[in-house]
Amino acid sequence: MKDKTRLIALSDSPEMDGELVIFETNAPSKRLKELEKESCALFTEEAYDEIPNWSYTLEFEGYLCRYIDSEQHVTQYGTSEEWQQENYQNIKEIYYIDKLKPESIN
């Protein structure tokens, strides 16, 4: 069953060259957590080309996943966290593509 449509945020990399992406989706949180875990494992293994395109993957599975907006993590005007709080303060779900700590792998 598909959840109600809502905005989510996806941080694609913790580095300065990364960005925070805002999507509108109806995919269940459980599915998004699975995708986050898979993406983080691939990021940790430095298999960057294998990290799934979230929008394509979710739409292929029958969910809505529409790009809304994005901001680089660090700009001359501030951080993506500040930008998100100013423009999309109602977002409750933020997912991260980051390196896993050794104890969290598996």
Protein backbone atom coordinates (compact mmCIF):
# COMPACT_ATOMS: atom_id res chain seq x y z
CA MET A 1 0.00 0.00 0.00
CA LYS A 2 1.32 3.43 -0.93
CA ASP A 3 1.63 6.11 1.72
CA LYS A 4 0.26 9.62 1.48
CA THR A 5 2.35 11.95 -0.70
CA ARG A 6 4.86 14.00 1.28
CA LEU A 7 8.16 15.82 0.92
CA ILE A 8 11.40 14.09 1.93
CA ALA A 9 15.03 15.17 1.87
CA LEU A 10 17.97 13.13 0.60
CA SER A 11 21.54 14.10 1.45
CA ASP A 12 23.58 12.56 -1.34
CA SER A 13 27.02 12.96 0.23
CA PRO A 14 28.41 14.40 3.45
CA GLU A 15 31.17 16.21 1.59
CA MET A 16 31.15 19.89 0.64
CA ASP A 17 30.43 18.99 -2.98
CA GLY A 18 27.30 17.04 -2.04
CA GLU A 19 23.78 18.34 -2.01
CA LEU A 20 20.46 18.08 -0.24
CA VAL A 21 17.68 17.06 -2.63
CA ILE A 22 13.96 17.51 -1.94
CA PHE A 23 11.56 14.96 -3.42
CA GLU A 24 7.81 14.49 -3.30
CA THR A 25 7.00 10.81 -2.83
CA ASN A 26 4.39 8.35 -1.67
CA ALA A 27 6.86 5.51 -1.07
CA PRO A 28 6.60 3.96 2.40
CA SER A 29 9.23 4.99 4.93
CA LYS A 30 10.23 1.33 5.28
CA ARG A 31 11.12 1.17 1.55
CA LEU A 32 13.05 4.44 1.76
CA LYS A 33 15.05 3.10 4.74
CA GLU A 34 15.91 -0.03 2.73
CA LEU A 35 17.06 2.12 -0.19
CA GLU A 36 19.09 4.29 2.19
CA LYS A 37 20.81 1.22 3.68
CA GLU A 38 21.62 -0.18 0.22
CA SER A 39 22.94 3.20 -0.97
CA CYS A 40 25.11 3.63 2.12
CA ALA A 41 26.62 0.16 1.74
CA LEU A 42 27.55 0.90 -1.88
CA PHE A 43 28.91 4.34 -0.93
CA THR A 44 31.05 2.72 1.79
CA GLU A 45 32.41 0.23 -0.76
CA GLU A 46 33.12 3.18 -3.10
CA ALA A 47 30.86 1.56 -5.72
CA TYR A 48 29.52 4.98 -6.67
CA ASP A 49 28.26 3.93 -10.11
CA GLU A 50 26.10 1.24 -8.50
CA ILE A 51 24.26 3.52 -6.07
CA PRO A 52 20.63 3.44 -7.19
CA ASN A 53 18.95 6.49 -8.66
CA TRP A 54 16.21 6.88 -6.05
CA SER A 55 13.73 8.59 -8.34
CA TYR A 56 14.09 6.01 -11.12
CA THR A 57 14.04 3.06 -8.69
CA LEU A 58 10.94 4.22 -6.84
CA GLU A 59 9.04 5.14 -9.99
CA PHE A 60 9.93 1.74 -11.50
CA GLU A 61 8.39 0.16 -8.38
CA GLY A 62 5.19 2.15 -8.96
CA TYR A 63 5.71 4.98 -6.49
CA LEU A 64 5.72 8.70 -7.12
CA CYS A 65 9.16 10.28 -6.67
CA ARG A 66 9.26 13.77 -8.12
CA TYR A 67 12.24 16.13 -7.86
CA ILE A 68 11.27 19.41 -6.19
CA ASP A 69 14.45 21.31 -5.34
CA SER A 70 18.07 20.97 -4.22
CA GLU A 71 20.87 22.91 -2.60
CA GLN A 72 24.61 22.30 -2.29
CA HIS A 73 25.68 21.41 1.25
CA VAL A 74 27.96 24.44 1.53
CA THR A 75 27.56 27.67 -0.44
CA GLN A 76 28.66 31.25 0.02
CA TYR A 77 25.20 31.90 1.47
CA GLY A 78 25.15 29.14 4.09
CA THR A 79 24.52 25.43 4.45
CA SER A 80 21.90 23.13 3.00
CA GLU A 81 20.62 22.51 6.54
CA GLU A 82 19.91 26.23 6.96
CA TRP A 83 18.34 26.35 3.50
CA GLN A 84 16.10 23.36 4.28
CA GLN A 85 14.98 24.90 7.60
CA GLU A 86 14.16 28.17 5.85
CA ASN A 87 12.35 26.71 2.83
CA TYR A 88 11.13 23.23 3.80
CA GLN A 89 10.86 23.27 7.58
CA ASN A 90 7.95 20.77 7.57
CA ILE A 91 10.07 17.90 6.23
CA LYS A 92 10.24 15.17 8.86
CA GLU A 93 12.09 12.50 6.85
CA ILE A 94 15.71 13.04 5.90
CA TYR A 95 17.71 10.20 4.36
CA TYR A 96 21.48 10.08 4.01
CA ILE A 97 23.92 8.49 1.59
CA ASP A 98 27.06 8.31 3.68
CA LYS A 99 29.81 5.91 4.70
CA LEU A 100 28.68 3.34 7.22
CA LYS A 101 30.46 2.89 10.51
CA PRO A 102 32.13 -0.54 10.62
CA GLU A 103 29.78 -1.80 13.36
CA SER A 104 26.67 -0.90 11.32
CA ILE A 105 27.69 -2.87 8.21
CA ASN A 106 25.71 -6.16 7.97
